[in-house]
Amino acid sequence: NDEDIGAMVIKLVKLIFMLDYVLFHSIQKSYTTHMNELKNCFDYIAELDNHYALAMYRRTLECYTEPQIDDSNDGIVFSELTHPLIADAVANDFSLSQNILLTGSNASGKSTFM
C-alpha cells in the first residue's frame, strides 16, 4: 500500500535525521529566548479572557453596579449596593473611613453584605 510506504519513509527520515529531537530543542531554545514576551502575552490573554467572562456574566444580570473611583474621599462609600447573586436583594448604603469589626450571629448576612 502506497500510504503505508509513505508513512514508513517519513518515520525513517525522522529517525535518521532525529527530526523530533532537533525540533524539540529548537522550540525549547526559542521559548527560552522569548520567555518574557510569551509570559506577557499569556498575561494579556488571561486579562482579556477575564474581562470577556465578566462582560458575559453581566449580560445575564438584570442590574449591576459599576464602581466610580473618587480620589478626593479618604474612605470607601457605597450607595445602593446589592449582592449580584441574590434575587430581590435589599440595597444598602455604607461608608467607611476607618477599620471596623463586623459582627453578628450565624446567617445574619455578614458575608452577603461584604
C-alpha atoms as a PDB file:
ATOM      1  CA  ASN A   1       0.000   0.000   0.000  1.00  0.00           C
ATOM      2  CA  ASP A   2       1.372   3.426  -1.010  1.00  0.00           C
ATOM      3  CA  GLU A   3       0.175   5.117   2.201  1.00  0.00           C
ATOM      4  CA  ASP A   4       1.991   2.565   4.376  1.00  0.00           C
ATOM      5  CA  ILE A   5       5.188   3.001   2.371  1.00  0.00           C
ATOM      6  CA  GLY A   6       4.929   6.795   2.632  1.00  0.00           C
ATOM      7  CA  ALA A   7       4.402   6.609   6.394  1.00  0.00           C
ATOM      8  CA  MET A   8       7.391   4.274   6.744  1.00  0.00           C
ATOM      9  CA  VAL A   9       9.597   6.632   4.700  1.00  0.00           C
ATOM     10  CA  ILE A  10       8.580   9.580   6.893  1.00  0.00           C
ATOM     11  CA  LYS A  11       9.358   7.594  10.051  1.00  0.00           C
ATOM     12  CA  LEU A  12      12.724   6.572   8.606  1.00  0.00           C
ATOM     13  CA  VAL A  13      13.637  10.175   7.725  1.00  0.00           C
ATOM     14  CA  LYS A  14      12.623  11.293  11.238  1.00  0.00           C
ATOM     15  CA  LEU A  15      14.810   8.596  12.786  1.00  0.00           C
ATOM     16  CA  ILE A  16      17.840   9.211  10.561  1.00  0.00           C
ATOM     17  CA  PHE A  17      17.846  12.983  10.980  1.00  0.00           C
ATOM     18  CA  MET A  18      16.446  12.927  14.553  1.00  0.00           C
ATOM     19  CA  LEU A  19      13.848  15.484  13.490  1.00  0.00           C
ATOM     20  CA  ASP A  20      11.754  15.183  16.663  1.00  0.00           C
ATOM     21  CA  TYR A  21      14.842  15.810  18.815  1.00  0.00           C
ATOM     22  CA  VAL A  22      16.008  18.741  16.654  1.00  0.00           C
ATOM     23  CA  LEU A  23      12.552  20.324  16.556  1.00  0.00           C
ATOM     24  CA  PHE A  24      12.092  19.912  20.310  1.00  0.00           C
ATOM     25  CA  HIS A  25      15.383  21.646  21.082  1.00  0.00           C
ATOM     26  CA  SER A  26      14.685  24.368  18.530  1.00  0.00           C
ATOM     27  CA  ILE A  27      11.319  25.093  20.153  1.00  0.00           C
ATOM     28  CA  GLN A  28      12.859  24.935  23.628  1.00  0.00           C
ATOM     29  CA  LYS A  29      15.589  27.412  22.640  1.00  0.00           C
ATOM     30  CA  SER A  30      13.037  29.762  21.085  1.00  0.00           C
ATOM     31  CA  TYR A  31      10.861  29.524  24.198  1.00  0.00           C
ATOM     32  CA  THR A  32      13.813  30.281  26.482  1.00  0.00           C
ATOM     33  CA  THR A  33      14.841  33.239  24.318  1.00  0.00           C
ATOM     34  CA  HIS A  34      11.350  34.753  24.253  1.00  0.00           C
ATOM     35  CA  MET A  35      10.097  33.622  27.666  1.00  0.00           C
ATOM     36  CA  ASN A  36       9.313  37.134  28.957  1.00  0.00           C
ATOM     37  CA  GLU A  37       7.410  38.095  25.799  1.00  0.00           C
ATOM     38  CA  LEU A  38       5.406  34.859  25.955  1.00  0.00           C
ATOM     39  CA  LYS A  39       4.590  35.431  29.620  1.00  0.00           C
ATOM     40  CA  ASN A  40       3.394  38.958  28.825  1.00  0.00           C
ATOM     41  CA  CYS A  41       1.221  37.586  26.003  1.00  0.00           C
ATOM     42  CA  PHE A  42      -0.259  34.922  28.293  1.00  0.00           C
ATOM     43  CA  ASP A  43      -0.956  37.527  30.991  1.00  0.00           C
ATOM     44  CA  TYR A  44      -2.641  39.803  28.442  1.00  0.00           C
ATOM     45  CA  ILE A  45      -4.750  36.943  27.058  1.00  0.00           C
ATOM     46  CA  ALA A  46      -5.747  35.945  30.606  1.00  0.00           C
ATOM     47  CA  GLU A  47      -6.800  39.529  31.347  1.00  0.00           C
ATOM     48  CA  LEU A  48      -8.834  39.691  28.131  1.00  0.00           C
ATOM     49  CA  ASP A  49     -10.485  36.370  28.979  1.00  0.00           C
ATOM     50  CA  ASN A  50     -11.302  37.671  32.451  1.00  0.00           C
ATOM     51  CA  HIS A  51     -12.896  40.846  31.066  1.00  0.00           C
ATOM     52  CA  TYR A  52     -14.840  38.848  28.484  1.00  0.00           C
ATOM     53  CA  ALA A  53     -16.154  36.418  31.113  1.00  0.00           C
ATOM     54  CA  LEU A  54     -17.197  39.306  33.356  1.00  0.00           C
ATOM     55  CA  ALA A  55     -18.953  41.054  30.465  1.00  0.00           C
ATOM     56  CA  MET A  56     -20.823  37.862  29.527  1.00  0.00           C
ATOM     57  CA  TYR A  57     -21.827  37.362  33.171  1.00  0.00           C
ATOM     58  CA  ARG A  58     -23.051  40.959  33.422  1.00  0.00           C
ATOM     59  CA  ARG A  59     -25.304  40.406  30.415  1.00  0.00           C
ATOM     60  CA  THR A  60     -27.197  37.773  32.422  1.00  0.00           C
ATOM     61  CA  LEU A  61     -27.905  40.168  35.303  1.00  0.00           C
ATOM     62  CA  GLU A  62     -30.936  42.394  35.486  1.00  0.00           C
ATOM     63  CA  CYS A  63     -28.806  45.114  37.023  1.00  0.00           C
ATOM     64  CA  TYR A  64     -25.218  45.593  38.077  1.00  0.00           C
ATOM     65  CA  THR A  65     -23.103  48.304  39.592  1.00  0.00           C
ATOM     66  CA  GLU A  66     -20.030  49.790  38.058  1.00  0.00           C
ATOM     67  CA  PRO A  67     -17.655  51.341  40.598  1.00  0.00           C
ATOM     68  CA  GLN A  68     -16.753  55.010  40.424  1.00  0.00           C
ATOM     69  CA  ILE A  69     -13.355  55.958  41.843  1.00  0.00           C
ATOM     70  CA  ASP A  70     -13.186  59.286  43.667  1.00  0.00           C
ATOM     71  CA  ASP A  71      -9.690  60.152  44.901  1.00  0.00           C
ATOM     72  CA  SER A  72     -10.941  63.135  46.913  1.00  0.00           C
ATOM     73  CA  ASN A  73     -12.509  60.871  49.554  1.00  0.00           C
ATOM     74  CA  ASP A  74     -10.322  59.199  52.210  1.00  0.00           C
ATOM     75  CA  GLY A  75     -12.755  56.345  52.788  1.00  0.00           C
ATOM     76  CA  ILE A  76     -14.995  53.960  50.929  1.00  0.00           C
ATOM     77  CA  VAL A  77     -18.594  54.901  50.155  1.00  0.00           C
ATOM     78  CA  PHE A  78     -21.251  52.555  48.762  1.00  0.00           C
ATOM     79  CA  SER A  79     -24.661  53.690  47.594  1.00  0.00           C
ATOM     80  CA  GLU A  80     -27.487  51.250  46.848  1.00  0.00           C
ATOM     81  CA  LEU A  81     -25.105  48.285  46.997  1.00  0.00           C
ATOM     82  CA  THR A  82     -26.719  44.895  46.276  1.00  0.00           C
ATOM     83  CA  HIS A  83     -25.473  41.318  46.076  1.00  0.00           C
ATOM     84  CA  PRO A  84     -25.385  40.240  42.399  1.00  0.00           C
ATOM     85  CA  LEU A  85     -26.403  36.621  43.080  1.00  0.00           C
ATOM     86  CA  ILE A  86     -29.418  37.304  45.286  1.00  0.00           C
ATOM     87  CA  ALA A  87     -32.749  37.945  43.606  1.00  0.00           C
ATOM     88  CA  ASP A  88     -34.680  40.852  45.126  1.00  0.00           C
ATOM     89  CA  ALA A  89     -31.702  41.858  47.258  1.00  0.00           C
ATOM     90  CA  VAL A  90     -32.098  44.809  49.603  1.00  0.00           C
ATOM     91  CA  ALA A  91     -29.870  47.733  48.587  1.00  0.00           C
ATOM     92  CA  ASN A  92     -27.548  49.109  51.265  1.00  0.00           C
ATOM     93  CA  ASP A  93     -25.723  52.395  51.699  1.00  0.00           C
ATOM     94  CA  PHE A  94     -22.438  52.233  53.575  1.00  0.00           C
ATOM     95  CA  SER A  95     -19.454  54.476  54.243  1.00  0.00           C
ATOM     96  CA  LEU A  96     -16.174  53.523  55.849  1.00  0.00           C
ATOM     97  CA  SER A  97     -13.463  55.954  56.878  1.00  0.00           C
ATOM     98  CA  GLN A  98     -11.613  53.690  59.322  1.00  0.00           C
ATOM     99  CA  ASN A  99     -11.306  49.985  60.134  1.00  0.00           C
ATOM    100  CA  ILE A 100     -14.346  48.161  61.501  1.00  0.00           C
ATOM    101  CA  LEU A 101     -15.088  44.799  63.065  1.00  0.00           C
ATOM    102  CA  LEU A 102     -18.267  43.409  61.522  1.00  0.00           C
ATOM    103  CA  THR A 103     -20.015  41.022  63.917  1.00  0.00           C
ATOM    104  CA  GLY A 104     -23.305  39.188  64.054  1.00  0.00           C
ATOM    105  CA  SER A 105     -24.868  35.794  64.575  1.00  0.00           C
ATOM    106  CA  ASN A 106     -24.623  32.981  62.045  1.00  0.00           C
ATOM    107  CA  ALA A 107     -26.646  33.520  58.859  1.00  0.00           C
ATOM    108  CA  SER A 108     -27.273  37.185  59.684  1.00  0.00           C
ATOM    109  CA  GLY A 109     -25.912  38.458  56.352  1.00  0.00           C
ATOM    110  CA  LYS A 110     -22.322  39.473  57.165  1.00  0.00           C
ATOM    111  CA  SER A 111     -20.788  37.665  54.175  1.00  0.00           C
ATOM    112  CA  THR A 112     -23.601  38.703  51.860  1.00  0.00           C
ATOM    113  CA  PHE A 113     -23.192  42.332  52.891  1.00  0.00           C
ATOM    114  CA  MET A 114     -19.423  42.223  52.412  1.00  0.00           C
END
